[in-house]
């Protein structure tokens, strides 16, 4: 994972079809928790 300012980047160097799926990022602080998901499709 890379950090650039307020952004975090998940870098996947090599992918295979079996890597397809939903990736979820969750951030938790004393103010609460937020979550977002992205669907990755490898063909």
N, C-alpha and C. Protein backbone atom coordinates (compact mmCIF):
# COMPACT_ATOMS: atom_id res chain seq x y z
N UNK A 1 0.85 -1.16 0.00
CA UNK A 1 0.00 0.00 0.00
C UNK A 1 0.90 1.23 0.00
N UNK A 2 0.54 2.20 -0.81
CA UNK A 2 1.27 3.45 -0.91
C UNK A 2 0.43 4.57 -0.31
N UNK A 3 1.09 5.57 0.25
CA UNK A 3 0.40 6.74 0.78
C UNK A 3 0.90 7.97 0.07
N UNK A 4 -0.03 8.76 -0.45
CA UNK A 4 0.28 10.03 -1.11
C UNK A 4 -0.64 11.09 -0.53
N UNK A 5 -0.12 11.89 0.37
CA UNK A 5 -0.96 12.90 1.01
C UNK A 5 -2.05 12.23 1.82
N UNK A 6 -3.31 12.59 1.52
CA UNK A 6 -4.45 12.00 2.23
C UNK A 6 -4.98 10.75 1.55
N UNK A 7 -4.27 10.26 0.53
CA UNK A 7 -4.73 9.11 -0.23
C UNK A 7 -3.86 7.88 0.03
N UNK A 8 -4.50 6.73 0.03
CA UNK A 8 -3.79 5.45 0.11
C UNK A 8 -4.09 4.70 -1.18
N UNK A 9 -3.07 4.04 -1.73
CA UNK A 9 -3.21 3.33 -3.00
C UNK A 9 -2.83 1.87 -2.79
N UNK A 10 -3.73 0.97 -3.18
CA UNK A 10 -3.43 -0.46 -3.15
C UNK A 10 -2.87 -0.82 -4.51
N UNK A 11 -1.62 -1.23 -4.55
CA UNK A 11 -0.96 -1.57 -5.80
C UNK A 11 -0.87 -3.08 -5.90
N UNK A 12 -1.44 -3.62 -6.97
CA UNK A 12 -1.39 -5.06 -7.22
C UNK A 12 -0.50 -5.25 -8.44
N UNK A 13 0.72 -5.75 -8.24
CA UNK A 13 1.71 -5.83 -9.31
C UNK A 13 1.35 -6.87 -10.37
N UNK A 14 0.89 -8.01 -9.95
CA UNK A 14 0.52 -9.08 -10.89
C UNK A 14 -0.85 -9.59 -10.50
N UNK A 15 -1.73 -9.74 -11.48
CA UNK A 15 -3.08 -10.22 -11.18
C UNK A 15 -3.40 -11.49 -11.96
N UNK A 16 -4.29 -12.26 -11.40
CA UNK A 16 -4.79 -13.48 -12.01
C UNK A 16 -6.31 -13.46 -11.90
N UNK A 17 -6.97 -14.26 -12.72
CA UNK A 17 -8.44 -14.28 -12.68
C UNK A 17 -8.96 -14.55 -11.28
N UNK A 18 -8.27 -15.40 -10.53
CA UNK A 18 -8.75 -15.73 -9.19
C UNK A 18 -8.61 -14.56 -8.20
N UNK A 19 -7.94 -13.49 -8.61
CA UNK A 19 -7.85 -12.28 -7.79
C UNK A 19 -9.11 -11.43 -7.90
N UNK A 20 -9.98 -11.75 -8.85
CA UNK A 20 -11.22 -10.99 -9.02
C UNK A 20 -12.05 -11.06 -7.74
N UNK A 21 -12.73 -9.98 -7.45
CA UNK A 21 -13.59 -9.96 -6.27
C UNK A 21 -13.77 -8.54 -5.78
N UNK A 22 -14.31 -8.42 -4.59
CA UNK A 22 -14.55 -7.12 -3.99
C UNK A 22 -13.47 -6.82 -2.97
N UNK A 23 -12.84 -5.66 -3.13
CA UNK A 23 -11.83 -5.20 -2.18
C UNK A 23 -12.46 -4.08 -1.36
N UNK A 24 -12.29 -4.15 -0.05
CA UNK A 24 -12.89 -3.17 0.85
C UNK A 24 -11.80 -2.46 1.64
N UNK A 25 -11.93 -1.16 1.72
CA UNK A 25 -11.02 -0.33 2.52
C UNK A 25 -11.82 0.27 3.67
N UNK A 26 -11.31 0.09 4.88
CA UNK A 26 -12.00 0.61 6.06
C UNK A 26 -11.03 1.50 6.84
N UNK A 27 -11.48 2.68 7.19
CA UNK A 27 -10.68 3.61 7.99
C UNK A 27 -11.40 3.87 9.30
N UNK A 28 -10.68 3.72 10.40
CA UNK A 28 -11.27 3.91 11.72
C UNK A 28 -10.44 4.90 12.52
N UNK A 29 -11.11 5.88 13.09
CA UNK A 29 -10.49 6.86 13.99
C UNK A 29 -11.39 7.02 15.20
N UNK A 30 -11.00 7.90 16.09
CA UNK A 30 -11.84 8.17 17.26
C UNK A 30 -13.18 8.79 16.86
N UNK A 31 -13.24 9.37 15.65
CA UNK A 31 -14.48 9.99 15.15
C UNK A 31 -15.44 8.98 14.55
N UNK A 32 -14.97 7.77 14.31
CA UNK A 32 -15.84 6.75 13.73
C UNK A 32 -15.15 5.94 12.65
N UNK A 33 -15.95 5.23 11.88
CA UNK A 33 -15.44 4.34 10.84
C UNK A 33 -16.15 4.63 9.53
N UNK A 34 -15.38 4.64 8.45
CA UNK A 34 -15.95 4.73 7.11
C UNK A 34 -15.40 3.57 6.29
N UNK A 35 -16.16 3.19 5.28
CA UNK A 35 -15.80 2.02 4.49
C UNK A 35 -16.22 2.25 3.05
N UNK A 36 -15.40 1.78 2.12
CA UNK A 36 -15.76 1.82 0.71
C UNK A 36 -15.26 0.55 0.05
N UNK A 37 -15.94 0.13 -1.00
CA UNK A 37 -15.56 -1.11 -1.69
C UNK A 37 -15.44 -0.87 -3.18
N UNK A 38 -14.62 -1.69 -3.81
CA UNK A 38 -14.46 -1.64 -5.26
C UNK A 38 -14.42 -3.06 -5.79
N UNK A 39 -15.06 -3.27 -6.92
CA UNK A 39 -15.07 -4.58 -7.55
C UNK A 39 -13.94 -4.66 -8.56
N UNK A 40 -13.10 -5.69 -8.46
CA UNK A 40 -12.00 -5.92 -9.39
C UNK A 40 -12.34 -7.12 -10.26
N UNK A 41 -12.29 -6.93 -11.57
CA UNK A 41 -12.54 -8.01 -12.52
C UNK A 41 -11.27 -8.21 -13.33
N UNK A 42 -10.69 -9.41 -13.26
CA UNK A 42 -9.49 -9.74 -14.03
C UNK A 42 -9.90 -10.76 -15.08
N UNK A 43 -9.65 -10.42 -16.35
CA UNK A 43 -10.04 -11.33 -17.44
C UNK A 43 -8.81 -11.90 -18.10
